[in-house]
N, C-alpha and C. Protein backbone atom coordinates (compact mmCIF):
# COMPACT_ATOMS: atom_id res chain seq x y z
N MET A 1 -27.33 54.81 8.22
CA MET A 1 -27.94 54.86 6.88
C MET A 1 -26.97 55.40 5.86
N ARG A 2 -26.25 56.48 6.27
CA ARG A 2 -25.27 57.05 5.33
C ARG A 2 -24.14 56.06 5.06
N LYS A 3 -23.74 55.33 6.12
CA LYS A 3 -22.69 54.33 5.91
C LYS A 3 -23.15 53.27 4.91
N PHE A 4 -24.39 52.85 5.01
CA PHE A 4 -24.92 51.85 4.09
C PHE A 4 -24.89 52.35 2.64
N GLN A 5 -25.31 53.62 2.47
CA GLN A 5 -25.29 54.20 1.12
C GLN A 5 -23.86 54.29 0.59
N ALA A 6 -22.91 54.67 1.43
CA ALA A 6 -21.51 54.79 0.99
C ALA A 6 -20.97 53.44 0.56
N TRP A 7 -21.25 52.41 1.37
CA TRP A 7 -20.79 51.08 1.00
C TRP A 7 -21.44 50.61 -0.31
N GLY A 8 -22.69 50.98 -0.49
CA GLY A 8 -23.38 50.61 -1.73
C GLY A 8 -22.73 51.25 -2.94
N MET A 9 -22.35 52.52 -2.81
CA MET A 9 -21.70 53.20 -3.93
C MET A 9 -20.35 52.57 -4.25
N ILE A 10 -19.62 52.20 -3.19
CA ILE A 10 -18.30 51.56 -3.40
C ILE A 10 -18.48 50.23 -4.11
N PHE A 11 -19.50 49.46 -3.73
CA PHE A 11 -19.76 48.16 -4.37
C PHE A 11 -20.08 48.33 -5.85
N VAL A 12 -20.94 49.31 -6.17
CA VAL A 12 -21.30 49.57 -7.58
C VAL A 12 -20.08 49.97 -8.39
N MET A 13 -19.21 50.83 -7.83
CA MET A 13 -18.00 51.25 -8.54
C MET A 13 -17.07 50.07 -8.78
N ALA A 14 -16.97 49.20 -7.78
CA ALA A 14 -16.10 48.03 -7.93
C ALA A 14 -16.60 47.12 -9.04
N MET A 15 -17.94 46.94 -9.10
CA MET A 15 -18.51 46.10 -10.16
C MET A 15 -18.25 46.70 -11.54
N CYS A 16 -18.34 48.04 -11.63
CA CYS A 16 -18.08 48.69 -12.93
C CYS A 16 -16.65 48.46 -13.38
N VAL A 17 -15.70 48.58 -12.42
CA VAL A 17 -14.29 48.35 -12.75
C VAL A 17 -14.07 46.91 -13.20
N PHE A 18 -14.70 45.96 -12.49
CA PHE A 18 -14.56 44.54 -12.84
C PHE A 18 -15.08 44.24 -14.24
N MET A 19 -16.27 44.80 -14.54
CA MET A 19 -16.87 44.57 -15.86
C MET A 19 -16.04 45.21 -16.95
N ALA A 20 -15.49 46.39 -16.69
CA ALA A 20 -14.64 47.04 -17.70
C ALA A 20 -13.41 46.20 -17.97
N GLY A 21 -12.84 45.61 -16.93
CA GLY A 21 -11.67 44.75 -17.11
C GLY A 21 -12.01 43.53 -17.92
N GLY A 22 -13.20 42.96 -17.72
CA GLY A 22 -13.61 41.78 -18.49
C GLY A 22 -13.76 42.11 -19.95
N CYS A 23 -14.33 43.27 -20.25
CA CYS A 23 -14.50 43.66 -21.65
C CYS A 23 -13.16 43.85 -22.32
N GLY A 24 -12.23 44.42 -21.55
CA GLY A 24 -10.90 44.63 -22.11
C GLY A 24 -10.25 43.31 -22.47
N GLY A 25 -10.44 42.30 -21.60
CA GLY A 25 -9.87 40.98 -21.87
C GLY A 25 -10.44 40.40 -23.14
N GLY A 26 -11.74 40.57 -23.35
CA GLY A 26 -12.36 40.04 -24.56
C GLY A 26 -11.79 40.70 -25.80
N SER A 27 -11.53 41.98 -25.72
CA SER A 27 -10.98 42.70 -26.86
C SER A 27 -9.59 42.20 -27.19
N MET A 28 -8.78 41.94 -26.17
CA MET A 28 -7.43 41.44 -26.40
C MET A 28 -7.47 40.06 -27.03
N ASP A 29 -8.40 39.21 -26.60
CA ASP A 29 -8.53 37.87 -27.19
C ASP A 29 -8.85 37.98 -28.66
N GLU A 30 -9.72 38.91 -29.01
CA GLU A 30 -10.11 39.07 -30.41
C GLU A 30 -8.93 39.52 -31.25
N ASN A 31 -8.14 40.45 -30.68
CA ASN A 31 -6.96 40.91 -31.41
C ASN A 31 -5.97 39.77 -31.60
N SER A 32 -5.83 38.93 -30.59
CA SER A 32 -4.92 37.80 -30.68
C SER A 32 -5.36 36.86 -31.80
N SER A 33 -6.67 36.62 -31.91
CA SER A 33 -7.19 35.77 -32.98
C SER A 33 -6.91 36.37 -34.34
N THR A 34 -7.05 37.67 -34.45
CA THR A 34 -6.79 38.34 -35.72
C THR A 34 -5.33 38.20 -36.12
N ASP A 35 -4.43 38.31 -35.14
CA ASP A 35 -3.01 38.17 -35.43
C ASP A 35 -2.69 36.79 -35.95
N THR A 36 -3.33 35.75 -35.39
CA THR A 36 -3.10 34.38 -35.84
C THR A 36 -3.52 34.21 -37.29
N ASN A 37 -4.66 34.76 -37.66
CA ASN A 37 -5.11 34.67 -39.05
C ASN A 37 -4.15 35.37 -39.99
N THR A 38 -3.59 36.49 -39.55
CA THR A 38 -2.63 37.22 -40.39
C THR A 38 -1.40 36.39 -40.64
N ASP A 39 -0.92 35.69 -39.58
CA ASP A 39 0.24 34.83 -39.75
C ASP A 39 -0.03 33.71 -40.74
N THR A 40 -1.23 33.11 -40.67
CA THR A 40 -1.60 32.04 -41.59
C THR A 40 -1.65 32.54 -43.02
N ASP A 41 -2.23 33.73 -43.20
CA ASP A 41 -2.29 34.31 -44.54
C ASP A 41 -0.90 34.57 -45.08
N THR A 42 0.01 35.02 -44.22
CA THR A 42 1.37 35.30 -44.65
C THR A 42 2.08 34.02 -45.05
N GLU A 43 1.87 32.93 -44.28
CA GLU A 43 2.49 31.65 -44.63
C GLU A 43 1.98 31.15 -45.98
N THR A 44 0.67 31.28 -46.22
CA THR A 44 0.11 30.86 -47.50
C THR A 44 0.68 31.68 -48.64
N LEU A 45 0.80 33.00 -48.42
CA LEU A 45 1.35 33.87 -49.45
C LEU A 45 2.79 33.50 -49.75
N ASN A 46 3.58 33.24 -48.70
CA ASN A 46 4.98 32.88 -48.90
C ASN A 46 5.12 31.55 -49.64
N GLU A 47 4.20 30.62 -49.37
CA GLU A 47 4.25 29.31 -50.03
C GLU A 47 4.11 29.46 -51.54
N TYR A 48 3.32 30.43 -51.98
CA TYR A 48 3.08 30.62 -53.40
C TYR A 48 3.86 31.80 -53.98
N GLN A 49 4.77 32.36 -53.20
CA GLN A 49 5.59 33.46 -53.69
C GLN A 49 6.79 32.87 -54.42
N ASP A 50 6.77 32.91 -55.76
CA ASP A 50 7.84 32.30 -56.54
C ASP A 50 9.17 33.00 -56.31
N THR A 51 10.23 32.20 -56.34
CA THR A 51 11.57 32.74 -56.20
C THR A 51 11.99 33.49 -57.47
N TYR A 52 11.50 33.00 -58.61
CA TYR A 52 11.92 33.54 -59.90
C TYR A 52 10.76 34.23 -60.61
N SER A 53 11.10 34.97 -61.65
CA SER A 53 10.08 35.54 -62.53
C SER A 53 9.64 34.44 -63.49
N THR A 54 8.58 33.74 -63.11
CA THR A 54 8.19 32.51 -63.81
C THR A 54 7.95 32.71 -65.29
N ALA A 55 7.15 33.70 -65.66
CA ALA A 55 6.82 33.91 -67.07
C ALA A 55 8.07 34.20 -67.89
N GLU A 56 8.96 35.01 -67.34
CA GLU A 56 10.19 35.37 -68.06
C GLU A 56 11.09 34.16 -68.25
N ILE A 57 11.19 33.34 -67.21
CA ILE A 57 12.07 32.18 -67.30
C ILE A 57 11.51 31.12 -68.26
N LEU A 58 10.22 30.83 -68.18
CA LEU A 58 9.65 29.76 -69.01
C LEU A 58 9.61 30.12 -70.49
N THR A 59 9.41 31.38 -70.80
CA THR A 59 9.27 31.78 -72.20
C THR A 59 10.53 31.46 -72.99
N GLY A 60 10.36 30.68 -74.07
CA GLY A 60 11.49 30.30 -74.91
C GLY A 60 11.53 28.81 -75.16
N SER A 61 12.63 28.34 -75.75
CA SER A 61 12.80 26.92 -76.09
C SER A 61 13.74 26.25 -75.09
N TRP A 62 13.53 24.94 -74.91
CA TRP A 62 14.26 24.19 -73.89
C TRP A 62 14.89 22.94 -74.48
N ASN A 63 16.14 22.66 -74.07
CA ASN A 63 16.85 21.44 -74.45
C ASN A 63 16.86 20.46 -73.28
N VAL A 64 16.63 19.19 -73.59
CA VAL A 64 16.62 18.19 -72.53
C VAL A 64 18.05 17.90 -72.08
N MET A 65 18.24 17.71 -70.78
CA MET A 65 19.56 17.37 -70.24
C MET A 65 19.73 15.86 -70.07
N ASP A 66 18.61 15.13 -70.00
CA ASP A 66 18.67 13.68 -69.77
C ASP A 66 18.75 12.94 -71.11
N ARG A 67 19.86 13.06 -71.80
CA ARG A 67 19.97 12.49 -73.15
C ARG A 67 19.99 10.97 -73.14
N GLU A 68 20.37 10.36 -72.06
CA GLU A 68 20.42 8.89 -71.97
C GLU A 68 19.25 8.35 -71.17
N TYR A 69 18.17 9.09 -71.09
CA TYR A 69 17.05 8.71 -70.22
C TYR A 69 16.31 7.49 -70.76
N THR A 70 16.00 6.55 -69.88
CA THR A 70 15.20 5.37 -70.24
C THR A 70 14.03 5.26 -69.27
N TYR A 71 12.94 4.68 -69.76
CA TYR A 71 11.73 4.57 -68.95
C TYR A 71 11.03 3.26 -69.29
N THR A 72 10.62 2.53 -68.26
CA THR A 72 9.85 1.30 -68.43
C THR A 72 8.45 1.52 -67.87
N THR A 73 7.44 1.22 -68.67
CA THR A 73 6.07 1.43 -68.22
C THR A 73 5.75 0.53 -67.03
N ASP A 74 4.75 0.92 -66.25
CA ASP A 74 4.42 0.19 -65.02
C ASP A 74 4.09 -1.28 -65.27
N ASP A 75 3.50 -1.57 -66.43
CA ASP A 75 3.16 -2.97 -66.74
C ASP A 75 4.32 -3.72 -67.37
N SER A 76 5.46 -3.03 -67.55
CA SER A 76 6.69 -3.61 -68.11
C SER A 76 6.56 -4.06 -69.56
N LEU A 77 5.48 -3.67 -70.23
CA LEU A 77 5.31 -4.06 -71.63
C LEU A 77 6.26 -3.29 -72.55
N PHE A 78 6.56 -2.04 -72.17
CA PHE A 78 7.38 -1.21 -73.05
C PHE A 78 8.60 -0.66 -72.30
N GLU A 79 9.75 -0.80 -72.96
CA GLU A 79 10.97 -0.14 -72.51
C GLU A 79 11.27 0.97 -73.52
N LEU A 80 11.46 2.17 -73.02
CA LEU A 80 11.59 3.33 -73.89
C LEU A 80 12.89 4.07 -73.60
N ARG A 81 13.57 4.44 -74.68
CA ARG A 81 14.81 5.21 -74.57
C ARG A 81 14.63 6.53 -75.30
N LEU A 82 14.89 7.63 -74.62
CA LEU A 82 14.67 8.95 -75.20
C LEU A 82 15.56 9.16 -76.42
N TYR A 83 14.94 9.65 -77.50
CA TYR A 83 15.67 9.89 -78.74
C TYR A 83 15.77 11.37 -79.07
N ALA A 84 14.65 12.10 -78.97
CA ALA A 84 14.65 13.53 -79.28
C ALA A 84 13.51 14.22 -78.55
N VAL A 85 13.75 15.46 -78.11
CA VAL A 85 12.74 16.23 -77.39
C VAL A 85 12.79 17.69 -77.83
N TYR A 86 11.61 18.27 -77.94
CA TYR A 86 11.51 19.72 -78.20
C TYR A 86 10.41 20.26 -77.28
N LEU A 87 10.69 21.40 -76.63
CA LEU A 87 9.71 22.01 -75.74
C LEU A 87 9.84 23.53 -75.84
N ASP A 88 8.69 24.21 -76.00
CA ASP A 88 8.70 25.66 -76.16
C ASP A 88 7.49 26.29 -75.48
N PHE A 89 7.72 27.40 -74.78
CA PHE A 89 6.66 28.16 -74.12
C PHE A 89 6.61 29.57 -74.71
N ALA A 90 5.37 30.08 -74.93
CA ALA A 90 5.20 31.43 -75.45
C ALA A 90 3.91 32.02 -74.89
N SER A 91 3.79 33.35 -75.01
CA SER A 91 2.56 34.07 -74.64
C SER A 91 2.06 33.68 -73.25
N ILE A 92 2.95 33.70 -72.27
CA ILE A 92 2.59 33.32 -70.91
C ILE A 92 1.95 34.50 -70.19
N ASP A 93 0.79 34.24 -69.59
CA ASP A 93 0.06 35.25 -68.83
C ASP A 93 -0.32 34.64 -67.48
N LEU A 94 0.31 35.12 -66.41
CA LEU A 94 0.13 34.50 -65.10
C LEU A 94 -0.51 35.45 -64.11
N GLY A 95 -1.44 34.89 -63.32
CA GLY A 95 -1.96 35.56 -62.14
C GLY A 95 -1.35 34.91 -60.92
N PRO A 96 -1.80 35.27 -59.71
CA PRO A 96 -1.23 34.66 -58.50
C PRO A 96 -1.44 33.15 -58.43
N LYS A 97 -2.59 32.65 -58.93
CA LYS A 97 -2.89 31.23 -58.78
C LYS A 97 -3.08 30.50 -60.11
N THR A 98 -3.46 31.19 -61.16
CA THR A 98 -3.70 30.54 -62.45
C THR A 98 -3.11 31.38 -63.57
N GLY A 99 -3.05 30.78 -64.76
CA GLY A 99 -2.54 31.50 -65.91
C GLY A 99 -2.73 30.69 -67.17
N THR A 100 -2.20 31.20 -68.27
CA THR A 100 -2.29 30.52 -69.56
C THR A 100 -0.94 30.61 -70.27
N ALA A 101 -0.74 29.73 -71.23
CA ALA A 101 0.48 29.74 -72.04
C ALA A 101 0.22 29.02 -73.35
N ILE A 102 1.01 29.33 -74.35
CA ILE A 102 1.00 28.61 -75.62
C ILE A 102 2.22 27.69 -75.62
N VAL A 103 1.98 26.39 -75.75
CA VAL A 103 3.06 25.41 -75.60
C VAL A 103 3.16 24.54 -76.85
N SER A 104 4.39 24.27 -77.27
CA SER A 104 4.66 23.33 -78.36
C SER A 104 5.59 22.23 -77.83
N SER A 105 5.36 21.01 -78.29
CA SER A 105 6.14 19.87 -77.78
C SER A 105 6.34 18.81 -78.85
N ARG A 106 7.50 18.17 -78.81
CA ARG A 106 7.80 17.01 -79.65
C ARG A 106 8.62 16.03 -78.81
N GLN A 107 8.25 14.75 -78.90
CA GLN A 107 9.05 13.72 -78.23
C GLN A 107 9.11 12.47 -79.10
N GLU A 108 10.31 11.92 -79.23
CA GLU A 108 10.50 10.66 -79.93
C GLU A 108 11.25 9.70 -79.02
N TRP A 109 10.80 8.45 -79.02
CA TRP A 109 11.39 7.43 -78.17
C TRP A 109 11.72 6.20 -79.00
N GLN A 110 12.83 5.56 -78.69
CA GLN A 110 13.13 4.25 -79.25
C GLN A 110 12.47 3.21 -78.35
N GLY A 111 11.60 2.38 -78.95
CA GLY A 111 10.79 1.47 -78.14
C GLY A 111 11.18 0.01 -78.25
N LEU A 112 10.93 -0.70 -77.18
CA LEU A 112 11.11 -2.15 -77.12
C LEU A 112 9.84 -2.72 -76.49
N TYR A 113 9.21 -3.69 -77.18
CA TYR A 113 7.97 -4.29 -76.69
C TYR A 113 8.26 -5.68 -76.13
N ASN A 114 7.92 -5.87 -74.86
CA ASN A 114 8.09 -7.18 -74.22
C ASN A 114 6.78 -7.96 -74.33
N ASP A 115 6.71 -8.85 -75.30
CA ASP A 115 5.48 -9.61 -75.56
C ASP A 115 5.31 -10.69 -74.49
N PRO A 116 4.31 -10.57 -73.62
CA PRO A 116 4.15 -11.56 -72.54
C PRO A 116 3.71 -12.94 -73.06
N SER A 117 3.06 -12.98 -74.21
CA SER A 117 2.58 -14.26 -74.74
C SER A 117 3.69 -15.04 -75.43
N ALA A 118 4.67 -14.33 -75.96
CA ALA A 118 5.74 -15.01 -76.71
C ALA A 118 7.06 -15.04 -75.95
N ASP A 119 7.11 -14.38 -74.79
CA ASP A 119 8.31 -14.34 -73.98
C ASP A 119 9.52 -13.86 -74.78
N LEU A 120 9.29 -12.78 -75.53
CA LEU A 120 10.39 -12.20 -76.30
C LEU A 120 10.17 -10.70 -76.43
N ALA A 121 11.25 -9.99 -76.77
CA ALA A 121 11.20 -8.54 -76.92
C ALA A 121 11.33 -8.17 -78.39
N THR A 122 10.55 -7.20 -78.82
CA THR A 122 10.55 -6.76 -80.21
C THR A 122 10.96 -5.30 -80.28
N GLY A 123 11.99 -5.02 -81.09
CA GLY A 123 12.40 -3.64 -81.30
C GLY A 123 11.37 -2.91 -82.16
N LEU A 124 10.97 -1.71 -81.75
CA LEU A 124 9.90 -0.99 -82.44
C LEU A 124 10.40 0.21 -83.23
N GLY A 125 11.67 0.54 -83.10
CA GLY A 125 12.14 1.77 -83.73
C GLY A 125 11.61 2.97 -82.97
N ILE A 126 11.32 4.06 -83.69
CA ILE A 126 10.83 5.28 -83.06
C ILE A 126 9.33 5.18 -82.80
N VAL A 127 8.92 5.45 -81.55
CA VAL A 127 7.51 5.42 -81.18
C VAL A 127 7.13 6.76 -80.53
N SER A 128 5.82 6.97 -80.39
CA SER A 128 5.30 8.22 -79.84
C SER A 128 4.50 7.94 -78.57
N LEU A 129 4.58 8.88 -77.63
CA LEU A 129 3.75 8.81 -76.43
C LEU A 129 2.62 9.85 -76.49
N ASP A 130 2.31 10.30 -77.69
CA ASP A 130 1.27 11.32 -77.90
C ASP A 130 1.59 12.63 -77.18
N LEU A 131 2.88 12.94 -77.11
CA LEU A 131 3.31 14.19 -76.49
C LEU A 131 3.75 15.21 -77.54
N ASP A 132 3.09 15.14 -78.69
CA ASP A 132 3.41 16.03 -79.80
C ASP A 132 2.24 16.98 -80.05
N PHE A 133 2.47 18.28 -79.90
CA PHE A 133 1.43 19.27 -80.16
C PHE A 133 2.08 20.61 -80.50
N ASP A 134 1.40 21.40 -81.32
CA ASP A 134 1.94 22.68 -81.79
C ASP A 134 1.09 23.84 -81.30
N SER A 135 1.74 24.85 -80.73
CA SER A 135 1.10 26.11 -80.36
C SER A 135 -0.28 25.89 -79.74
N THR A 136 -0.32 25.07 -78.70
CA THR A 136 -1.58 24.71 -78.04
C THR A 136 -1.80 25.58 -76.80
N ALA A 137 -3.02 26.11 -76.68
CA ALA A 137 -3.37 26.91 -75.50
C ALA A 137 -3.51 26.00 -74.29
N THR A 138 -2.79 26.29 -73.23
CA THR A 138 -2.78 25.46 -72.03
C THR A 138 -3.17 26.29 -70.81
N GLU A 139 -3.57 25.59 -69.76
CA GLU A 139 -3.91 26.23 -68.49
C GLU A 139 -2.80 25.96 -67.48
N LEU A 140 -2.43 26.99 -66.73
CA LEU A 140 -1.41 26.86 -65.69
C LEU A 140 -2.04 27.08 -64.32
N THR A 141 -1.68 26.21 -63.37
CA THR A 141 -2.18 26.32 -62.01
C THR A 141 -1.01 26.32 -61.04
N HIS A 142 -0.98 27.29 -60.15
CA HIS A 142 0.11 27.40 -59.17
C HIS A 142 -0.03 26.29 -58.14
N GLN A 143 1.00 25.45 -58.01
CA GLN A 143 0.97 24.33 -57.08
C GLN A 143 1.78 24.59 -55.82
N GLY A 144 2.53 25.67 -55.79
CA GLY A 144 3.42 25.97 -54.68
C GLY A 144 4.57 26.81 -55.19
N ARG A 145 5.51 27.13 -54.32
CA ARG A 145 6.60 27.99 -54.72
C ARG A 145 7.40 27.40 -55.87
N ASP A 146 7.46 28.12 -57.00
CA ASP A 146 8.21 27.74 -58.21
C ASP A 146 7.69 26.44 -58.84
N ASN A 147 6.44 26.09 -58.54
CA ASN A 147 5.84 24.88 -59.11
C ASN A 147 4.50 25.23 -59.76
N TRP A 148 4.37 24.88 -61.05
CA TRP A 148 3.15 25.13 -61.80
C TRP A 148 2.72 23.87 -62.53
N ARG A 149 1.42 23.63 -62.54
CA ARG A 149 0.86 22.51 -63.30
C ARG A 149 0.33 23.03 -64.63
N CYS A 150 0.82 22.46 -65.72
CA CYS A 150 0.39 22.85 -67.07
C CYS A 150 -0.50 21.74 -67.62
N THR A 151 -1.75 22.06 -67.89
CA THR A 151 -2.72 21.09 -68.41
C THR A 151 -2.92 21.35 -69.89
N VAL A 152 -2.65 20.31 -70.70
CA VAL A 152 -2.70 20.44 -72.15
C VAL A 152 -3.88 19.63 -72.70
N PRO A 153 -4.85 20.27 -73.33
CA PRO A 153 -5.96 19.51 -73.94
C PRO A 153 -5.50 18.85 -75.24
N VAL A 154 -5.84 17.58 -75.39
CA VAL A 154 -5.52 16.86 -76.63
C VAL A 154 -6.79 16.21 -77.17
N ALA A 155 -6.65 15.33 -78.14
CA ALA A 155 -7.81 14.76 -78.82
C ALA A 155 -8.71 13.97 -77.87
N ASP A 156 -9.99 13.90 -78.25
CA ASP A 156 -10.98 13.09 -77.54
C ASP A 156 -11.18 13.51 -76.08
N GLY A 157 -10.96 14.78 -75.80
CA GLY A 157 -11.19 15.28 -74.45
C GLY A 157 -10.15 14.87 -73.43
N ARG A 158 -9.08 14.23 -73.86
CA ARG A 158 -8.03 13.81 -72.93
C ARG A 158 -7.16 15.00 -72.53
N ARG A 159 -6.38 14.81 -71.50
CA ARG A 159 -5.49 15.84 -70.98
C ARG A 159 -4.09 15.26 -70.76
N ILE A 160 -3.10 16.08 -71.08
CA ILE A 160 -1.72 15.79 -70.69
C ILE A 160 -1.36 16.74 -69.56
N VAL A 161 -0.76 16.22 -68.53
CA VAL A 161 -0.37 17.05 -67.38
C VAL A 161 1.15 17.15 -67.32
N MET A 162 1.63 18.39 -67.27
CA MET A 162 3.06 18.63 -67.08
C MET A 162 3.23 19.42 -65.78
N ASN A 163 3.83 18.78 -64.78
CA ASN A 163 4.13 19.46 -63.52
C ASN A 163 5.53 20.06 -63.63
N ILE A 164 5.58 21.39 -63.63
CA ILE A 164 6.83 22.10 -63.90
C ILE A 164 7.39 22.67 -62.61
N ALA A 165 8.64 22.32 -62.31
CA ALA A 165 9.35 22.87 -61.17
C ALA A 165 10.54 23.67 -61.68
N ILE A 166 10.57 24.96 -61.38
CA ILE A 166 11.69 25.80 -61.78
C ILE A 166 12.80 25.62 -60.75
N THR A 167 13.96 25.14 -61.20
CA THR A 167 15.04 24.81 -60.27
C THR A 167 16.16 25.84 -60.29
N SER A 168 16.24 26.68 -61.34
CA SER A 168 17.21 27.76 -61.40
C SER A 168 16.77 28.75 -62.47
N GLN A 169 17.60 29.75 -62.74
CA GLN A 169 17.28 30.75 -63.74
C GLN A 169 17.16 30.17 -65.14
N ASN A 170 17.82 29.04 -65.39
CA ASN A 170 17.79 28.46 -66.74
C ASN A 170 17.55 26.95 -66.73
N ALA A 171 16.92 26.44 -65.68
CA ALA A 171 16.67 25.00 -65.61
C ALA A 171 15.31 24.71 -65.01
N ILE A 172 14.64 23.68 -65.56
CA ILE A 172 13.35 23.24 -65.04
C ILE A 172 13.31 21.72 -65.02
N ASN A 173 12.46 21.18 -64.16
CA ASN A 173 12.15 19.75 -64.15
C ASN A 173 10.68 19.61 -64.52
N VAL A 174 10.39 18.74 -65.48
CA VAL A 174 9.02 18.55 -65.94
C VAL A 174 8.60 17.10 -65.72
N ASN A 175 7.55 16.92 -64.93
CA ASN A 175 6.97 15.60 -64.72
C ASN A 175 5.78 15.45 -65.67
N TYR A 176 5.81 14.41 -66.51
CA TYR A 176 4.76 14.16 -67.50
C TYR A 176 3.85 13.05 -67.00
N GLN A 177 2.53 13.28 -67.10
CA GLN A 177 1.54 12.27 -66.74
C GLN A 177 0.47 12.21 -67.83
N GLY A 178 0.15 11.01 -68.27
CA GLY A 178 -0.88 10.88 -69.29
C GLY A 178 -1.01 9.45 -69.78
N VAL A 179 -1.69 9.29 -70.91
CA VAL A 179 -1.91 7.96 -71.49
C VAL A 179 -1.55 8.00 -72.96
N ALA A 180 -0.68 7.10 -73.38
CA ALA A 180 -0.38 6.90 -74.80
C ALA A 180 -1.28 5.76 -75.28
N ARG A 181 -2.18 6.06 -76.20
CA ARG A 181 -3.21 5.07 -76.56
C ARG A 181 -2.69 3.95 -77.45
N ASN A 182 -1.71 4.26 -78.29
CA ASN A 182 -1.27 3.26 -79.26
C ASN A 182 0.24 3.35 -79.47
N ILE A 183 0.97 2.57 -78.70
CA ILE A 183 2.42 2.54 -78.87
C ILE A 183 2.80 1.45 -79.88
N HIS A 184 2.08 0.32 -79.82
CA HIS A 184 2.39 -0.79 -80.73
C HIS A 184 1.16 -1.67 -80.90
N ARG A 185 0.68 -1.79 -82.14
CA ARG A 185 -0.45 -2.67 -82.48
C ARG A 185 -1.67 -2.43 -81.59
N GLY A 186 -1.97 -1.17 -81.37
CA GLY A 186 -3.14 -0.81 -80.58
C GLY A 186 -2.96 -0.93 -79.08
N ILE A 187 -1.77 -1.30 -78.65
CA ILE A 187 -1.49 -1.42 -77.22
C ILE A 187 -0.91 -0.10 -76.72
N GLY A 188 -1.50 0.45 -75.67
CA GLY A 188 -1.03 1.70 -75.11
C GLY A 188 -0.48 1.51 -73.71
N ALA A 189 -0.23 2.63 -73.04
CA ALA A 189 0.30 2.57 -71.68
C ALA A 189 0.09 3.90 -70.98
N THR A 190 -0.07 3.81 -69.67
CA THR A 190 -0.07 5.01 -68.83
C THR A 190 1.38 5.34 -68.47
N TYR A 191 1.73 6.61 -68.53
CA TYR A 191 3.11 7.00 -68.23
C TYR A 191 3.15 8.05 -67.13
N ASN A 192 4.27 8.08 -66.44
CA ASN A 192 4.53 9.06 -65.39
C ASN A 192 6.05 9.12 -65.21
N PHE A 193 6.68 10.11 -65.84
CA PHE A 193 8.14 10.22 -65.79
C PHE A 193 8.53 11.69 -65.77
N SER A 194 9.79 11.95 -65.44
CA SER A 194 10.28 13.33 -65.33
C SER A 194 11.54 13.53 -66.16
N LEU A 195 11.65 14.72 -66.74
CA LEU A 195 12.83 15.11 -67.51
C LEU A 195 13.34 16.46 -67.03
N ASN A 196 14.66 16.63 -67.11
CA ASN A 196 15.29 17.90 -66.77
C ASN A 196 15.64 18.66 -68.05
N PHE A 197 15.37 19.97 -68.04
CA PHE A 197 15.61 20.80 -69.21
C PHE A 197 16.48 22.00 -68.85
N ARG A 198 17.27 22.43 -69.84
CA ARG A 198 18.02 23.68 -69.73
C ARG A 198 17.57 24.61 -70.84
N LYS A 199 17.43 25.88 -70.51
CA LYS A 199 16.92 26.84 -71.48
C LYS A 199 17.92 27.04 -72.62
N LYS A 200 17.38 27.07 -73.83
CA LYS A 200 18.22 27.25 -75.02
C LYS A 200 18.69 28.69 -75.09
N ASP A 201 19.98 28.86 -75.36
CA ASP A 201 20.55 30.20 -75.48
C ASP A 201 20.23 30.75 -76.86
N GLU A 202 19.30 31.69 -76.92
CA GLU A 202 18.85 32.22 -78.20
C GLU A 202 19.97 32.96 -78.94
N SER A 203 20.95 33.49 -78.22
CA SER A 203 22.02 34.24 -78.86
C SER A 203 22.96 33.36 -79.66
N GLN A 204 22.90 32.02 -79.41
CA GLN A 204 23.79 31.10 -80.11
C GLN A 204 23.14 30.50 -81.35
N GLN A 205 21.92 30.93 -81.68
CA GLN A 205 21.25 30.39 -82.86
C GLN A 205 21.86 30.97 -84.13
């Protein structure tokens, strides 16, 4: 009888040790899961951790580097040659994912209209892509490391989108997307092109 009781006690102790080991395993699994989430959070943070001081770099006036830039609209109706560009950022306020800025812009293009009905091209002189605005409040959205999307509200509820990539301490690439409603005789076009800019040296003014 005593032997039976002793074996019973040993069995109960063994079960307790086994169960304790199982609980420990579950705890380690949970910690492992937590570590994985931390790594993912770190990767996301690094993706949006800008290399440069974005607000400091963008603030100021910018000169275009692509002085000989030409662009043909997707429908081939218009051939455009860059004539003059002005771009300025001020009052930039950025958070980790969003921000605001005051932006001014001017663009002039020399246009050529390819008339499909007459099979001829007409020189238009200076034309506009509706990329002209003064001291306009814009919204900035972080798209990734050193990349911000600037959304500019214009007339009739339309939006101009400028995707800005900071490429160095004094250089940016700007991708423009939008619609020019009237380039020639009420005919417009959708545009999507990119320009490179270098920051204007204020000390040389």
